[in-house]
Protein backbone atom coordinates (compact mmCIF):
# COMPACT_ATOMS: atom_id res chain seq x y z
CA MET A 1 53.23 26.69 125.10
CA PHE A 2 51.36 24.35 122.55
CA GLN A 3 53.82 21.46 123.40
CA SER A 4 52.99 21.83 127.05
CA LEU A 5 49.25 21.27 126.51
CA HIS A 6 47.46 18.22 127.71
CA PRO A 7 46.93 15.80 124.58
CA ASN A 8 43.20 15.79 125.17
CA LEU A 9 43.21 19.53 124.45
CA LYS A 10 45.02 19.15 121.24
CA ILE A 11 42.55 16.36 120.22
CA ARG A 12 39.62 18.63 121.52
CA LEU A 13 41.07 21.65 119.20
CA VAL A 14 41.10 19.13 116.29
CA LEU A 15 37.60 17.93 116.74
CA ASN A 16 36.11 21.33 117.35
CA PHE A 17 37.81 22.45 114.06
CA LEU A 18 36.50 19.53 112.05
CA GLN A 19 33.08 19.68 113.69
CA LYS A 20 32.73 23.50 113.08
CA LEU A 21 34.00 23.15 109.52
CA THR A 22 31.18 20.69 108.71
CA GLN A 23 28.47 22.88 110.46
CA THR A 24 29.63 26.15 108.54
CA ALA A 25 29.91 24.43 105.16
CA ILE A 26 26.25 23.06 105.41
CA PHE A 27 24.04 24.30 108.11
CA PRO A 28 23.84 28.08 106.96
CA PHE A 29 23.27 27.18 103.24
CA MET A 30 20.34 24.41 104.14
CA THR A 31 18.07 27.43 105.08
CA ILE A 32 18.22 28.64 101.49
CA TYR A 33 17.44 24.78 100.34
CA PHE A 34 14.52 24.58 102.65
CA VAL A 35 13.09 28.00 101.60
CA ARG A 36 13.26 26.73 97.98
CA GLN A 37 11.43 23.51 98.92
CA PHE A 38 8.93 24.59 101.52
CA GLY A 39 8.75 28.22 101.05
CA ALA A 40 10.02 31.13 103.53
CA THR A 41 6.75 31.02 105.43
CA GLU A 42 6.94 27.40 106.38
CA THR A 43 10.72 27.43 106.80
CA GLY A 44 10.66 30.19 109.29
CA PRO A 45 8.86 28.33 112.03
CA LEU A 46 10.92 25.03 111.36
CA ILE A 47 14.24 26.94 111.83
CA ILE A 48 12.86 28.62 115.00
CA LEU A 49 11.67 25.20 116.34
CA THR A 50 15.38 23.64 115.53
CA MET A 51 17.01 26.49 117.50
CA ILE A 52 14.63 26.14 120.40
CA ALA A 53 15.13 22.25 120.38
CA SER A 54 18.73 22.60 120.00
CA PHE A 55 19.20 24.64 123.19
CA ILE A 56 16.93 22.02 125.16
CA ALA A 57 19.22 19.23 123.89
CA SER A 58 22.37 21.22 125.07
CA LEU A 59 20.68 21.33 128.56
CA TYR A 60 20.28 17.62 128.49
CA GLY A 61 23.74 16.98 126.98
CA GLY A 62 25.55 19.24 129.79
CA LEU A 63 23.66 17.15 132.51
CA LEU A 64 24.56 13.77 130.71
CA SER A 65 28.14 15.17 130.42
CA ASP A 66 28.48 15.87 134.26
CA ARG A 67 26.81 12.56 135.34
CA TYR A 68 28.36 10.12 133.08
CA GLY A 69 31.67 11.81 131.76
CA ARG A 70 32.76 13.63 128.60
CA LYS A 71 33.95 10.83 126.37
CA CYS A 72 30.76 8.92 126.76
CA VAL A 73 28.49 11.75 125.60
CA LEU A 74 31.06 12.77 122.91
CA LEU A 75 31.16 9.18 121.44
CA ILE A 76 27.47 8.52 121.52
CA GLY A 77 26.53 11.90 120.32
CA GLU A 78 29.11 11.72 117.39
CA ILE A 79 27.89 8.21 116.31
CA LEU A 80 24.33 9.44 116.05
CA ARG A 81 25.31 12.55 114.34
CA PHE A 82 27.31 10.23 111.87
CA ALA A 83 24.13 8.31 111.27
CA CYS A 84 22.36 11.57 110.64
CA TYR A 85 24.80 12.71 108.05
CA ILE A 86 24.54 9.36 106.31
CA GLY A 87 20.59 9.92 106.36
CA MET A 88 21.07 13.55 104.99
CA ALA A 89 23.23 12.27 102.13
CA ILE A 90 20.94 9.66 101.22
CA ALA A 91 17.85 11.98 101.34
CA GLY A 92 19.59 14.94 99.35
CA SER A 93 20.95 12.41 96.56
CA HIS A 94 19.28 11.84 93.28
CA VAL A 95 18.17 8.37 94.49
CA ILE A 96 15.51 9.75 97.03
CA ASP A 97 15.66 13.57 96.76
CA SER A 98 13.30 14.03 99.75
CA ALA A 99 13.32 17.58 101.38
CA VAL A 100 11.19 16.36 104.20
CA LEU A 101 13.49 13.48 105.05
CA LEU A 102 16.41 15.93 104.69
CA PHE A 103 14.92 18.25 107.07
CA ILE A 104 14.38 15.57 109.73
CA PHE A 105 17.97 14.42 109.56
CA PHE A 106 19.07 17.94 109.57
CA PHE A 107 16.83 18.68 112.84
CA PHE A 108 18.28 15.77 114.86
CA SER A 109 22.05 16.55 113.63
CA ASN A 110 21.36 20.14 115.05
CA LEU A 111 20.18 18.81 118.43
CA LEU A 112 23.06 16.35 118.69
CA SER A 113 25.63 19.00 117.84
CA SER A 114 24.22 21.17 120.80
CA ALA A 115 24.02 18.02 123.02
CA ILE A 116 27.72 17.37 122.75
CA THR A 117 28.74 21.05 122.68
CA PRO A 118 28.94 21.25 126.54
CA ALA A 119 31.07 18.17 126.96
CA ASN A 120 33.35 19.45 124.18
CA GLU A 121 33.73 22.79 125.86
CA ALA A 122 34.15 21.23 129.34
CA ILE A 123 37.37 19.27 128.25
CA LEU A 124 38.95 22.69 127.79
CA ILE A 125 38.49 23.46 131.54
CA ASP A 126 39.09 19.80 132.71
CA ASP A 127 42.29 19.33 131.19
CA SER A 128 44.13 22.81 131.39
CA ARG A 129 46.02 24.79 134.12
CA PRO A 130 44.83 28.44 134.92
CA GLU A 131 48.00 29.80 133.23
CA GLN A 132 47.46 28.16 130.09
CA ARG A 133 43.59 29.19 129.40
CA LYS A 134 44.41 32.63 127.90
CA TYR A 135 46.52 30.89 125.36
CA LEU A 136 44.29 27.87 124.89
CA TYR A 137 41.06 29.93 124.23
CA THR A 138 42.85 32.37 121.81
CA LEU A 139 43.92 29.37 119.89
CA SER A 140 40.69 27.91 119.97
CA TYR A 141 39.11 31.19 118.78
CA TRP A 142 41.60 31.37 115.99
CA LEU A 143 40.92 27.83 114.84
CA MET A 144 37.22 28.41 114.99
CA ASN A 145 37.41 31.54 112.61
CA GLY A 146 39.80 29.51 110.46
CA SER A 147 37.00 26.65 110.20
CA ILE A 148 34.45 29.44 109.59
CA VAL A 149 36.31 30.87 106.50
CA ILE A 150 37.01 27.40 105.15
CA GLY A 151 33.76 25.98 105.59
CA SER A 152 31.90 29.17 104.16
CA LEU A 153 34.16 28.80 101.10
CA LEU A 154 33.50 25.14 100.65
CA GLY A 155 29.63 25.67 101.02
CA GLY A 156 29.64 28.76 98.93
CA PHE A 157 31.36 27.01 96.16
CA PHE A 158 29.67 23.50 96.31
CA PHE A 159 26.14 23.92 97.84
CA GLU A 160 24.35 24.91 94.75
CA ARG A 161 25.56 22.05 92.37
CA HIS A 162 27.14 19.49 94.75
CA LEU A 163 25.08 19.32 97.79
CA SER A 164 25.35 15.48 97.95
CA LEU A 165 29.14 15.73 97.70
CA LEU A 166 29.13 18.19 100.61
CA LEU A 167 27.04 15.65 102.76
CA VAL A 168 29.25 12.67 101.76
CA ALA A 169 32.28 14.80 102.86
CA ALA A 170 30.71 15.75 106.26
CA THR A 171 29.76 11.94 106.66
CA ILE A 172 33.60 11.14 106.20
CA ILE A 173 34.88 13.91 108.69
CA SER A 174 32.25 12.74 111.23
CA PHE A 175 33.52 9.30 110.99
CA GLY A 176 36.91 10.62 111.59
CA CYS A 177 35.77 12.42 114.53
CA ILE A 178 34.39 9.14 115.95
CA TRP A 179 37.81 7.44 115.42
CA ILE A 180 39.60 10.19 117.21
CA ILE A 181 37.06 10.30 120.21
CA PHE A 182 37.33 6.38 120.45
CA PHE A 183 41.00 5.68 120.15
CA ARG A 184 42.68 9.00 121.30
CA LEU A 185 40.53 10.74 123.74
CA GLU A 186 40.83 9.88 127.57
CA ASP A 187 38.39 10.86 130.04
CA HIS A 188 40.00 12.35 133.09
CA TYR A 189 36.74 13.69 134.52
CA LYS A 190 35.65 11.74 137.36
CA PRO A 191 31.76 12.22 137.89
CA LEU A 192 30.46 11.80 141.39
CA PRO A 193 28.99 8.06 141.81
CA LEU A 194 25.31 8.26 140.91
CA LYS A 195 23.99 7.44 144.49
CA GLU A 196 25.70 10.65 145.70
CA GLN A 197 24.41 13.11 142.82
CA LYS A 198 21.61 15.01 144.43
CA THR A 199 19.90 16.07 141.21
CA THR A 200 17.19 13.74 140.01
CA SER A 201 16.13 15.82 137.15
CA VAL A 202 17.50 18.18 134.57
CA TRP A 203 15.81 21.12 135.94
CA LYS A 204 16.86 20.43 139.59
CA GLY A 205 20.52 20.47 138.48
CA TYR A 206 20.13 23.78 136.74
CA GLN A 207 18.55 25.52 139.62
CA THR A 208 21.84 25.37 141.23
CA VAL A 209 23.35 27.12 138.23
CA MET A 210 20.65 29.72 138.08
CA ARG A 211 21.25 30.70 141.70
CA ASN A 212 24.88 31.32 141.15
CA GLN A 213 24.74 35.31 141.02
CA LEU A 214 28.50 35.42 139.71
CA PHE A 215 27.71 33.29 136.81
CA LEU A 216 24.54 35.47 135.92
CA LYS A 217 26.59 38.66 135.92
CA TYR A 218 29.15 36.83 133.53
CA LEU A 219 26.02 35.93 131.46
CA VAL A 220 24.75 39.28 131.10
CA ALA A 221 28.08 40.68 130.42
CA GLY A 222 28.57 38.03 127.73
CA ILE A 223 25.06 38.95 126.08
CA LEU A 224 25.93 42.52 125.97
CA THR A 225 29.15 42.17 124.13
CA LEU A 226 27.97 39.47 121.83
CA SER A 227 24.93 41.42 120.93
CA LEU A 228 27.29 44.01 119.55
CA GLU A 229 28.88 41.53 117.15
CA LEU A 230 25.41 40.27 115.98
CA GLN A 231 24.59 43.89 114.92
CA LEU A 232 26.57 43.23 111.72
CA THR A 233 23.77 40.81 110.70
CA HIS A 234 20.93 42.89 112.08
CA TYR A 235 20.63 46.56 112.45
CA LEU A 236 23.96 47.41 110.82
CA ALA A 237 23.27 45.08 107.80
CA ILE A 238 19.92 47.12 107.26
CA HIS A 239 21.40 50.39 107.79
CA PHE A 240 24.21 49.91 105.30
CA ALA A 241 22.09 48.56 102.69
CA GLU A 242 19.41 51.33 102.97
CA THR A 243 21.71 54.54 103.56
CA LEU A 244 25.25 53.90 102.10
CA GLN A 245 25.99 55.37 98.76
CA ALA A 246 27.89 53.37 96.29
CA VAL A 247 31.64 54.11 96.51
CA PRO A 248 34.54 53.44 93.81
CA PHE A 249 36.88 50.74 95.09
CA PHE A 250 39.61 50.07 92.48
CA HIS A 251 37.94 48.83 89.40
CA PHE A 252 34.63 48.18 91.44
CA SER A 253 31.60 49.89 92.80
CA LEU A 254 30.84 49.11 96.25
CA ASP A 255 27.06 49.49 97.36
CA GLY A 256 26.06 49.18 101.09
CA THR A 257 25.78 45.34 100.83
CA LYS A 258 29.09 44.80 99.52
CA ILE A 259 30.74 47.27 101.89
CA LEU A 260 29.24 44.98 104.72
CA GLY A 261 30.96 41.92 103.18
CA LEU A 262 34.25 43.69 102.99
CA LEU A 263 34.00 44.56 106.63
CA ARG A 264 33.19 41.26 107.81
CA ALA A 265 35.99 39.89 105.70
CA GLU A 266 38.39 42.52 107.29
CA ASN A 267 37.22 41.13 110.73
CA THR A 268 38.08 37.75 109.83
CA ILE A 269 41.37 38.28 108.13
CA LEU A 270 42.78 40.45 111.17
CA VAL A 271 41.70 37.45 113.63
CA LEU A 272 43.39 35.03 111.62
CA LEU A 273 46.78 37.30 110.97
CA LEU A 274 46.85 38.71 114.44
CA GLY A 275 45.15 36.40 116.83
CA LEU A 276 48.16 34.55 118.00
CA VAL A 277 50.62 37.49 117.48
CA LEU A 278 48.62 40.02 119.60
CA MET A 279 48.57 37.34 122.46
CA ARG A 280 52.35 37.37 122.50
CA TRP A 281 52.56 41.14 122.41
CA THR A 282 50.30 41.49 125.32
CA LYS A 283 51.61 38.68 127.43
CA SER A 284 53.07 41.05 130.14
CA ILE A 285 49.88 43.09 130.42
CA SER A 286 47.60 42.18 133.41
CA GLU A 287 44.23 40.42 132.28
CA ARG A 288 42.20 43.02 133.84
CA ALA A 289 43.58 45.71 131.80
CA LEU A 290 43.23 43.67 128.69
CA LEU A 291 39.85 42.86 129.47
CA TYR A 292 38.62 46.50 130.12
CA THR A 293 40.85 47.79 127.13
CA GLY A 294 39.31 45.10 124.91
CA VAL A 295 35.58 45.93 125.66
CA THR A 296 36.24 49.55 125.34
CA LEU A 297 37.76 49.25 121.78
CA PHE A 298 35.05 46.72 120.72
CA SER A 299 32.27 48.98 121.78
CA LEU A 300 33.73 52.10 120.42
CA GLY A 301 34.47 50.34 117.14
CA PHE A 302 30.73 49.40 116.67
CA ALA A 303 29.73 52.87 117.74
CA ILE A 304 31.81 54.33 114.71
CA LEU A 305 29.75 52.25 112.15
CA PRO A 306 26.21 53.57 112.35
CA VAL A 307 27.30 57.18 112.14
CA SER A 308 30.01 57.15 109.54
CA GLU A 309 29.54 57.06 105.84
CA ASP A 310 33.01 57.34 104.78
CA LEU A 311 34.70 53.89 103.84
CA SER A 312 37.97 54.53 105.46
CA MET A 313 36.18 55.35 108.74
CA LEU A 314 34.34 52.14 108.50
CA VAL A 315 37.55 50.18 107.89
CA LEU A 316 38.99 51.84 110.85
CA GLY A 317 35.98 51.16 113.11
CA THR A 318 36.24 47.50 111.97
CA ALA A 319 39.83 47.25 112.89
CA CYS A 320 39.14 48.85 116.19
CA PHE A 321 36.26 46.27 117.25
CA THR A 322 38.59 43.56 116.00
CA PHE A 323 41.49 44.64 118.08
CA GLY A 324 39.08 44.67 121.12
CA GLU A 325 37.60 41.30 120.30
CA LEU A 326 40.95 39.80 120.06
CA LEU A 327 41.97 41.08 123.46
CA TYR A 328 38.64 40.45 125.41
CA VAL A 329 37.23 37.21 124.11
CA PRO A 330 39.96 34.67 125.37
CA ILE A 331 39.95 36.39 128.89
CA HIS A 332 36.10 36.24 128.89
CA GLN A 333 36.13 32.72 128.16
CA ALA A 334 38.80 31.75 130.38
CA MET A 335 36.84 33.46 133.50
CA LEU A 336 34.14 30.98 133.14
CA ALA A 337 36.41 28.49 134.62
CA ARG A 338 37.13 30.34 137.73
CA ILE A 339 33.07 30.68 138.29
CA VAL A 340 31.68 27.39 137.62
CA GLU A 341 31.50 24.41 140.13
CA ASP A 342 33.47 21.35 138.99
CA HIS A 343 30.65 18.85 139.26
CA LEU A 344 28.36 20.97 137.32
CA ARG A 345 30.60 22.26 134.72
CA SER A 346 28.99 20.94 131.51
CA GLN A 347 25.56 22.38 132.97
CA TYR A 348 27.19 25.86 133.41
CA LEU A 349 28.50 25.66 129.65
CA ALA A 350 25.05 24.44 128.50
CA VAL A 351 23.28 27.57 130.11
CA ASN A 352 25.95 29.72 128.88
CA GLY A 353 24.59 29.05 125.43
CA LEU A 354 21.84 31.52 126.47
CA ARG A 355 24.48 34.20 125.68
CA TYR A 356 23.97 33.72 121.88
CA ARG A 357 20.21 33.41 122.15
CA GLY A 358 20.05 36.58 124.38
CA ALA A 359 22.19 38.62 121.78
CA LEU A 360 20.17 37.16 118.83
CA LEU A 361 16.92 38.33 120.60
CA ILE A 362 18.50 41.87 121.14
CA GLY A 363 19.49 41.68 117.28
CA ALA A 364 15.80 40.89 116.35
CA ILE A 365 14.64 43.85 118.54
CA SER A 366 17.15 46.32 116.86
CA VAL A 367 15.75 45.02 113.48
CA SER A 368 12.19 45.79 114.30
CA ALA A 369 13.18 49.19 115.96
CA TYR A 370 15.28 50.28 112.76
CA GLU A 371 12.62 52.62 111.66
CA PHE A 372 12.41 54.33 114.96
CA VAL A 373 15.87 54.61 116.39
CA SER A 374 18.34 56.79 114.64
CA PRO A 375 21.90 55.96 113.94
CA VAL A 376 23.16 58.24 116.65
CA TRP A 377 20.95 56.65 119.34
CA MET A 378 22.30 53.26 118.20
CA THR A 379 25.94 54.65 118.50
CA MET A 380 24.85 55.78 122.23
CA THR A 381 23.54 52.11 122.89
CA TYR A 382 26.60 50.50 121.69
CA ILE A 383 28.64 52.60 123.90
CA GLY A 384 26.09 51.91 126.85
CA PHE A 385 26.41 48.17 126.27
CA GLY A 386 30.15 48.41 126.56
CA ILE A 387 30.16 50.50 129.68
CA PHE A 388 27.55 48.01 131.46
CA ALA A 389 29.67 45.05 130.31
CA ILE A 390 32.83 46.54 131.78
CA PHE A 391 30.55 47.24 135.02
CA PHE A 392 29.65 43.62 135.18
CA TYR A 393 33.20 42.49 134.54
CA ARG A 394 34.45 44.72 137.37
CA SER A 395 32.13 43.42 139.79
CA ILE A 396 33.00 39.83 138.91
CA LEU A 397 36.59 40.16 139.14
CA LYS A 398 36.27 42.06 142.45
CA GLN A 399 34.20 39.15 143.87
CA LEU A 400 36.59 36.59 142.54
CA ASN A 401 39.64 38.15 144.07
CA GLU A 402 38.12 39.13 147.56
CA LEU A 403 35.74 36.21 147.89
CA PRO A 404 37.32 32.93 146.64
CA THR A 405 34.62 31.03 148.42
CA ILE A 406 31.58 32.77 146.92
CA ILE A 407 30.44 29.85 144.55
CA ASN A 408 30.54 27.37 147.32
CA ASN A 409 28.35 29.80 149.63
CA GLN A 410 25.91 30.42 146.87
CA ALA A 411 25.55 26.75 146.23
CA SER A 412 24.96 25.93 149.70
């Protein structure tokens, strides 16, 4: 199957791995750096500003990708990102050592990363056939998890004492991405001639996207499922730290925080070990059955975590939601290709970024409600999220199968 993929898809997988690797190795740890330099009170609003600006940048990046092509946006964006990495490396070196300059370049690097993401994701749809997409998204998801593991290890080991070295390495990798995009990537997407493009502003283009009721259902289903995953860093993180008693584990004693780290490591290891294997085992099963089964296992696995204090049950719950994750995520991602309109593909992918931000909002609400919502009620909430997600997926699949022209009708 890998050999049958279009060369652009293989290039995109490599690019995404390298770009995600540099982001994971540096960006999460920069928050620690800025808190030490500016203080937590000042850093919080700066990070929020970065997140808001990054989403706006992704909207403009999606529009530019649909208007001018994928390669153009990727190349210009990566060149500017390369310049930002150079600026970060210089600002973080002993020569200047300016936290203010480092944040400025960090801010614009985040904006550029978000701006090129829609074009990056659109390539997966542009150059793939429907029968390839389940495999393609499984492989992409597997590589993403691998880059997160490697990047987290590199950042964890080198950030404290060798920040400049990390930034120089990220600069070199970014230059490699520029070389790959310029010499190897071919842009097969043909945008409409500018005089035939009806959208005159970024907002008019996205009005069409937001009128697509099928896409909105897909977005809500995505927010519901992703919000469960983010509970590990929100409600469940507090719950484990506050309520779990230390348990012996070989020669160690695990408190709630260590148990959370163990469960997250289990999730990542299972994804890396079983991601591609599970796809082969389930090749003959219908995507509808895999989607429903995956979401069910995903929500039930998370439902176990708030109400169990036994380590073996927590490990079992994590294995359950990981299996569900491996089953439903590639199908969820491939489903988007059937929903979006070709000439607005990158703009749909940009708006799809609201999935993460909506899930993040639900996570923040769960933290605020920690004192008032019992673990049993959170378990019921997680199950409810899974039920509603399946309801939306069922509606989407029904409309896609019965009304293949629904998108064109809505757009008109």
